Structure formats: C-alpha cells, structure tokens
Amino acid sequence: MKYTKGPWHACHNGECSCHMVWSIPHDCVVAVGIGAKDENYTGGEGIINEAIITANTRLIAAAPDMYEALKAMADIHSPYSPKVAHDMADKALAKAEGKGE
C-alpha cells in the first residue's frame, strides 16, 4: 500500500481553524478535516460543529500510526513483540483522541 508516510500531525493538535493535517517529513498537507452540515452532527441547527471537525482532523492525523500498529498486530512474522504492537496501538488511539502526538 502506498501513501504519504507519517508521522502526520494535525495543525495545533486539531484546534487550528485550518484543520490541516501535515506530513512533517515531506513538508506537505496530506488532508483537511471536514464536517457535515447535517442535523445528526449539528443538533439540528445546520451549523458545522467545530468539535466534529476537530475530531475528524485528529483521526485523520492518526491514520498512519493506526495502520502501522494494526499491521504489526496482524502480522505473525512482525519484528515487533505483542507488547510493542499494543503500545503502538495505544499511542495511535491517544493521538486520535487528542491526548498525545
């Protein structure tokens, strides 16, 4: 699978109004977090919910980390021990939840 290698970082941990996700090693924008004008996400007001966009941005930024962690867990021939793969998954989840970069 080919994609822009990580790590990816949400601009200001997803709190920036640009909602851009950067690949620092490649110095490029890889994605922009978006939200929906949908009453299911806005409480019926039709206004984009910034919290949803921030969460989307963080989730996108964590995608390469989650991919690598899942790959390490799924590959029985992985050079990583189960403990290391589990730690990778924990770090990726924390990044997606805005608890760490």
N, C-alpha and C. Protein backbone atom coordinates (compact mmCIF):
# COMPACT_ATOMS: atom_id res chain seq x y z
N MET A 1 0.84 -1.18 0.00
CA MET A 1 0.00 0.00 0.00
C MET A 1 0.89 1.24 0.00
N LYS A 2 0.61 2.17 -0.88
CA LYS A 2 1.40 3.39 -0.95
C LYS A 2 0.57 4.56 -0.44
N TYR A 3 1.20 5.34 0.43
CA TYR A 3 0.59 6.58 0.93
C TYR A 3 1.73 7.46 1.44
N THR A 4 1.46 8.71 1.71
CA THR A 4 2.48 9.60 2.25
C THR A 4 2.79 9.12 3.66
N LYS A 5 4.01 8.69 3.87
CA LYS A 5 4.40 8.14 5.16
C LYS A 5 4.29 9.17 6.27
N GLY A 6 4.00 8.68 7.46
CA GLY A 6 3.88 9.52 8.64
C GLY A 6 5.24 9.84 9.22
N PRO A 7 5.28 10.47 10.33
CA PRO A 7 4.07 10.81 11.09
C PRO A 7 3.32 11.98 10.48
N TRP A 8 2.01 11.96 10.66
CA TRP A 8 1.15 13.06 10.28
C TRP A 8 0.78 13.80 11.56
N HIS A 9 0.61 15.10 11.44
CA HIS A 9 0.27 15.92 12.60
C HIS A 9 -0.88 16.86 12.26
N ALA A 10 -1.88 16.91 13.12
CA ALA A 10 -2.95 17.88 12.98
C ALA A 10 -2.42 19.23 13.43
N CYS A 11 -2.65 20.25 12.65
CA CYS A 11 -2.18 21.60 12.98
C CYS A 11 -2.71 22.00 14.36
N HIS A 12 -1.79 22.32 15.26
CA HIS A 12 -2.13 22.68 16.64
C HIS A 12 -3.05 21.64 17.30
N ASN A 13 -2.72 20.36 17.08
CA ASN A 13 -3.46 19.23 17.64
C ASN A 13 -4.95 19.25 17.25
N GLY A 14 -5.24 19.77 16.07
CA GLY A 14 -6.61 19.81 15.57
C GLY A 14 -7.40 21.02 15.99
N GLU A 15 -6.83 21.86 16.83
CA GLU A 15 -7.54 23.03 17.35
C GLU A 15 -7.47 24.23 16.39
N CYS A 16 -6.58 24.22 15.43
CA CYS A 16 -6.42 25.32 14.49
C CYS A 16 -7.62 25.36 13.54
N SER A 17 -8.06 26.53 13.18
CA SER A 17 -9.23 26.66 12.31
C SER A 17 -8.99 26.16 10.88
N CYS A 18 -7.70 25.96 10.51
CA CYS A 18 -7.42 25.46 9.15
C CYS A 18 -7.73 23.97 9.03
N HIS A 19 -7.66 23.23 10.14
CA HIS A 19 -7.94 21.79 10.19
C HIS A 19 -7.08 20.98 9.22
N MET A 20 -5.86 21.47 8.98
CA MET A 20 -4.95 20.76 8.07
C MET A 20 -4.18 19.67 8.80
N VAL A 21 -3.89 18.61 8.06
CA VAL A 21 -3.06 17.52 8.55
C VAL A 21 -1.80 17.50 7.70
N TRP A 22 -0.65 17.59 8.37
CA TRP A 22 0.64 17.72 7.71
C TRP A 22 1.47 16.46 7.84
N SER A 23 2.23 16.17 6.79
CA SER A 23 3.31 15.20 6.87
C SER A 23 4.56 16.03 7.06
N ILE A 24 5.08 16.04 8.27
CA ILE A 24 6.25 16.86 8.57
C ILE A 24 7.47 16.40 7.74
N PRO A 25 7.75 15.07 7.66
CA PRO A 25 8.94 14.66 6.89
C PRO A 25 8.87 15.10 5.42
N HIS A 26 7.65 15.17 4.87
CA HIS A 26 7.50 15.52 3.45
C HIS A 26 7.10 16.97 3.26
N ASP A 27 6.90 17.70 4.37
CA ASP A 27 6.53 19.11 4.34
C ASP A 27 5.37 19.37 3.39
N CYS A 28 4.28 18.61 3.59
CA CYS A 28 3.12 18.81 2.73
C CYS A 28 1.83 18.54 3.51
N VAL A 29 0.75 19.14 3.02
CA VAL A 29 -0.57 18.88 3.58
C VAL A 29 -1.05 17.57 2.98
N VAL A 30 -1.50 16.64 3.83
CA VAL A 30 -1.99 15.36 3.32
C VAL A 30 -3.51 15.29 3.36
N ALA A 31 -4.13 16.14 4.19
CA ALA A 31 -5.58 16.11 4.28
C ALA A 31 -6.07 17.36 5.02
N VAL A 32 -7.37 17.61 4.88
CA VAL A 32 -8.01 18.67 5.64
C VAL A 32 -9.26 18.05 6.26
N GLY A 33 -9.37 18.18 7.59
CA GLY A 33 -10.54 17.64 8.29
C GLY A 33 -11.78 18.43 7.91
N ILE A 34 -12.87 17.72 7.70
CA ILE A 34 -14.13 18.39 7.35
C ILE A 34 -15.25 17.90 8.25
N GLY A 35 -16.31 18.61 8.25
CA GLY A 35 -17.51 18.23 8.99
C GLY A 35 -18.69 18.22 8.04
N ALA A 36 -19.86 18.03 8.59
CA ALA A 36 -21.06 17.96 7.76
C ALA A 36 -22.11 18.92 8.26
N LYS A 37 -22.81 19.55 7.33
CA LYS A 37 -23.98 20.36 7.69
C LYS A 37 -25.17 19.42 7.71
N ASP A 38 -25.26 18.66 8.76
CA ASP A 38 -26.27 17.62 8.87
C ASP A 38 -26.82 17.66 10.28
N GLU A 39 -28.11 17.58 10.42
CA GLU A 39 -28.70 17.70 11.76
C GLU A 39 -28.24 16.60 12.72
N ASN A 40 -27.77 15.47 12.17
CA ASN A 40 -27.27 14.42 13.04
C ASN A 40 -25.97 14.82 13.74
N TYR A 41 -25.24 15.77 13.15
CA TYR A 41 -23.97 16.20 13.70
C TYR A 41 -24.02 17.60 14.31
N THR A 42 -25.09 18.33 14.05
CA THR A 42 -25.15 19.71 14.50
C THR A 42 -26.26 19.97 15.51
N GLY A 43 -27.01 18.94 15.87
CA GLY A 43 -28.13 19.17 16.78
C GLY A 43 -29.30 19.86 16.10
N GLY A 44 -29.35 19.80 14.76
CA GLY A 44 -30.47 20.35 14.03
C GLY A 44 -30.30 21.80 13.62
N GLU A 45 -29.21 22.45 14.03
CA GLU A 45 -29.05 23.87 13.71
C GLU A 45 -28.52 24.11 12.30
N GLY A 46 -27.98 23.09 11.65
CA GLY A 46 -27.44 23.26 10.31
C GLY A 46 -26.11 23.98 10.27
N ILE A 47 -25.47 24.11 11.43
CA ILE A 47 -24.17 24.77 11.52
C ILE A 47 -23.11 23.69 11.71
N ILE A 48 -22.00 23.84 11.00
CA ILE A 48 -20.93 22.86 11.14
C ILE A 48 -20.42 22.87 12.57
N ASN A 49 -20.34 21.72 13.15
CA ASN A 49 -19.89 21.56 14.53
C ASN A 49 -18.37 21.48 14.55
N GLU A 50 -17.73 22.50 15.14
CA GLU A 50 -16.26 22.55 15.18
C GLU A 50 -15.67 21.36 15.93
N ALA A 51 -16.36 20.86 16.95
CA ALA A 51 -15.85 19.71 17.70
C ALA A 51 -15.76 18.48 16.81
N ILE A 52 -16.73 18.31 15.91
CA ILE A 52 -16.71 17.18 14.97
C ILE A 52 -15.54 17.34 14.00
N ILE A 53 -15.33 18.55 13.49
CA ILE A 53 -14.23 18.77 12.56
C ILE A 53 -12.89 18.52 13.25
N THR A 54 -12.75 18.99 14.50
CA THR A 54 -11.52 18.76 15.25
C THR A 54 -11.28 17.28 15.45
N ALA A 55 -12.33 16.54 15.81
CA ALA A 55 -12.20 15.09 15.99
C ALA A 55 -11.83 14.41 14.68
N ASN A 56 -12.44 14.82 13.57
CA ASN A 56 -12.11 14.25 12.26
C ASN A 56 -10.65 14.51 11.91
N THR A 57 -10.18 15.73 12.17
CA THR A 57 -8.80 16.09 11.86
C THR A 57 -7.82 15.23 12.66
N ARG A 58 -8.10 15.05 13.94
CA ARG A 58 -7.22 14.22 14.78
C ARG A 58 -7.22 12.77 14.32
N LEU A 59 -8.39 12.27 13.95
CA LEU A 59 -8.50 10.88 13.49
C LEU A 59 -7.70 10.68 12.20
N ILE A 60 -7.81 11.64 11.28
CA ILE A 60 -7.05 11.57 10.03
C ILE A 60 -5.55 11.57 10.32
N ALA A 61 -5.12 12.46 11.23
CA ALA A 61 -3.70 12.57 11.55
C ALA A 61 -3.15 11.28 12.14
N ALA A 62 -3.98 10.53 12.85
CA ALA A 62 -3.55 9.29 13.49
C ALA A 62 -3.59 8.09 12.55
N ALA A 63 -4.14 8.25 11.35
CA ALA A 63 -4.32 7.11 10.44
C ALA A 63 -3.04 6.32 10.15
N PRO A 64 -1.90 6.94 9.81
CA PRO A 64 -0.70 6.14 9.55
C PRO A 64 -0.24 5.36 10.78
N ASP A 65 -0.36 5.98 11.96
CA ASP A 65 0.04 5.30 13.19
C ASP A 65 -0.85 4.10 13.46
N MET A 66 -2.16 4.27 13.24
CA MET A 66 -3.10 3.16 13.46
C MET A 66 -2.85 2.05 12.45
N TYR A 67 -2.57 2.43 11.20
CA TYR A 67 -2.29 1.44 10.17
C TYR A 67 -1.07 0.60 10.54
N GLU A 68 0.02 1.27 10.95
CA GLU A 68 1.24 0.55 11.31
C GLU A 68 1.03 -0.34 12.54
N ALA A 69 0.28 0.15 13.52
CA ALA A 69 0.02 -0.65 14.72
C ALA A 69 -0.82 -1.88 14.39
N LEU A 70 -1.85 -1.70 13.58
CA LEU A 70 -2.70 -2.83 13.21
C LEU A 70 -1.92 -3.84 12.37
N LYS A 71 -1.07 -3.33 11.48
CA LYS A 71 -0.24 -4.20 10.66
C LYS A 71 0.70 -5.03 11.55
N ALA A 72 1.29 -4.38 12.56
CA ALA A 72 2.20 -5.08 13.48
C ALA A 72 1.46 -6.14 14.28
N MET A 73 0.21 -5.86 14.65
CA MET A 73 -0.58 -6.83 15.41
C MET A 73 -1.03 -8.00 14.55
N ALA A 74 -1.32 -7.73 13.29
CA ALA A 74 -1.87 -8.76 12.41
C ALA A 74 -0.82 -9.67 11.80
N ASP A 75 0.41 -9.18 11.70
CA ASP A 75 1.47 -9.94 11.05
C ASP A 75 2.18 -10.85 12.05
N ILE A 76 1.98 -12.15 11.90
CA ILE A 76 2.61 -13.08 12.85
C ILE A 76 4.12 -13.09 12.72
N HIS A 77 4.63 -12.58 11.60
CA HIS A 77 6.07 -12.52 11.39
C HIS A 77 6.63 -11.13 11.67
N SER A 78 5.84 -10.30 12.32
CA SER A 78 6.25 -8.93 12.62
C SER A 78 7.50 -8.91 13.50
N PRO A 79 8.39 -7.95 13.26
CA PRO A 79 9.57 -7.83 14.13
C PRO A 79 9.21 -7.27 15.51
N TYR A 80 7.97 -6.82 15.67
CA TYR A 80 7.54 -6.24 16.95
C TYR A 80 6.95 -7.30 17.85
N SER A 81 7.23 -7.21 19.13
CA SER A 81 6.61 -8.10 20.09
C SER A 81 5.16 -7.67 20.27
N PRO A 82 4.30 -8.55 20.78
CA PRO A 82 2.91 -8.15 21.03
C PRO A 82 2.82 -6.92 21.94
N LYS A 83 3.70 -6.81 22.92
CA LYS A 83 3.70 -5.66 23.83
C LYS A 83 4.01 -4.37 23.06
N VAL A 84 5.00 -4.40 22.19
CA VAL A 84 5.37 -3.22 21.41
C VAL A 84 4.22 -2.85 20.47
N ALA A 85 3.62 -3.83 19.80
CA ALA A 85 2.50 -3.57 18.90
C ALA A 85 1.32 -2.97 19.68
N HIS A 86 1.07 -3.48 20.87
CA HIS A 86 0.00 -2.95 21.71
C HIS A 86 0.30 -1.51 22.11
N ASP A 87 1.53 -1.21 22.45
CA ASP A 87 1.93 0.16 22.79
C ASP A 87 1.76 1.09 21.59
N MET A 88 2.08 0.60 20.39
CA MET A 88 1.88 1.39 19.18
C MET A 88 0.41 1.73 19.01
N ALA A 89 -0.45 0.75 19.25
CA ALA A 89 -1.90 0.96 19.12
C ALA A 89 -2.38 1.97 20.16
N ASP A 90 -1.91 1.85 21.40
CA ASP A 90 -2.31 2.79 22.45
C ASP A 90 -1.91 4.22 22.09
N LYS A 91 -0.71 4.40 21.57
CA LYS A 91 -0.24 5.74 21.19
C LYS A 91 -1.07 6.30 20.03
N ALA A 92 -1.40 5.45 19.06
CA ALA A 92 -2.21 5.89 17.92
C ALA A 92 -3.60 6.30 18.37
N LEU A 93 -4.19 5.53 19.27
CA LEU A 93 -5.52 5.88 19.79
C LEU A 93 -5.48 7.18 20.58
N ALA A 94 -4.44 7.37 21.39
CA ALA A 94 -4.31 8.62 22.15
C ALA A 94 -4.18 9.81 21.20
N LYS A 95 -3.43 9.63 20.13
CA LYS A 95 -3.27 10.70 19.13
C LYS A 95 -4.60 11.03 18.50
N ALA A 96 -5.37 10.01 18.12
CA ALA A 96 -6.67 10.22 17.51
C ALA A 96 -7.64 10.92 18.46
N GLU A 97 -7.47 10.67 19.76
CA GLU A 97 -8.37 11.27 20.75
C GLU A 97 -7.86 12.62 21.25
N GLY A 98 -6.74 13.11 20.67
CA GLY A 98 -6.22 14.41 21.04
C GLY A 98 -5.48 14.41 22.36
N LYS A 99 -5.05 13.24 22.81
CA LYS A 99 -4.36 13.12 24.10
C LYS A 99 -2.85 13.03 23.96
N GLY A 100 -2.35 13.07 22.76
CA GLY A 100 -0.90 12.99 22.55
C GLY A 100 -0.57 13.03 21.08
N GLU A 101 0.63 13.46 20.78
CA GLU A 101 1.10 13.50 19.38
C GLU A 101 2.05 12.38 19.13
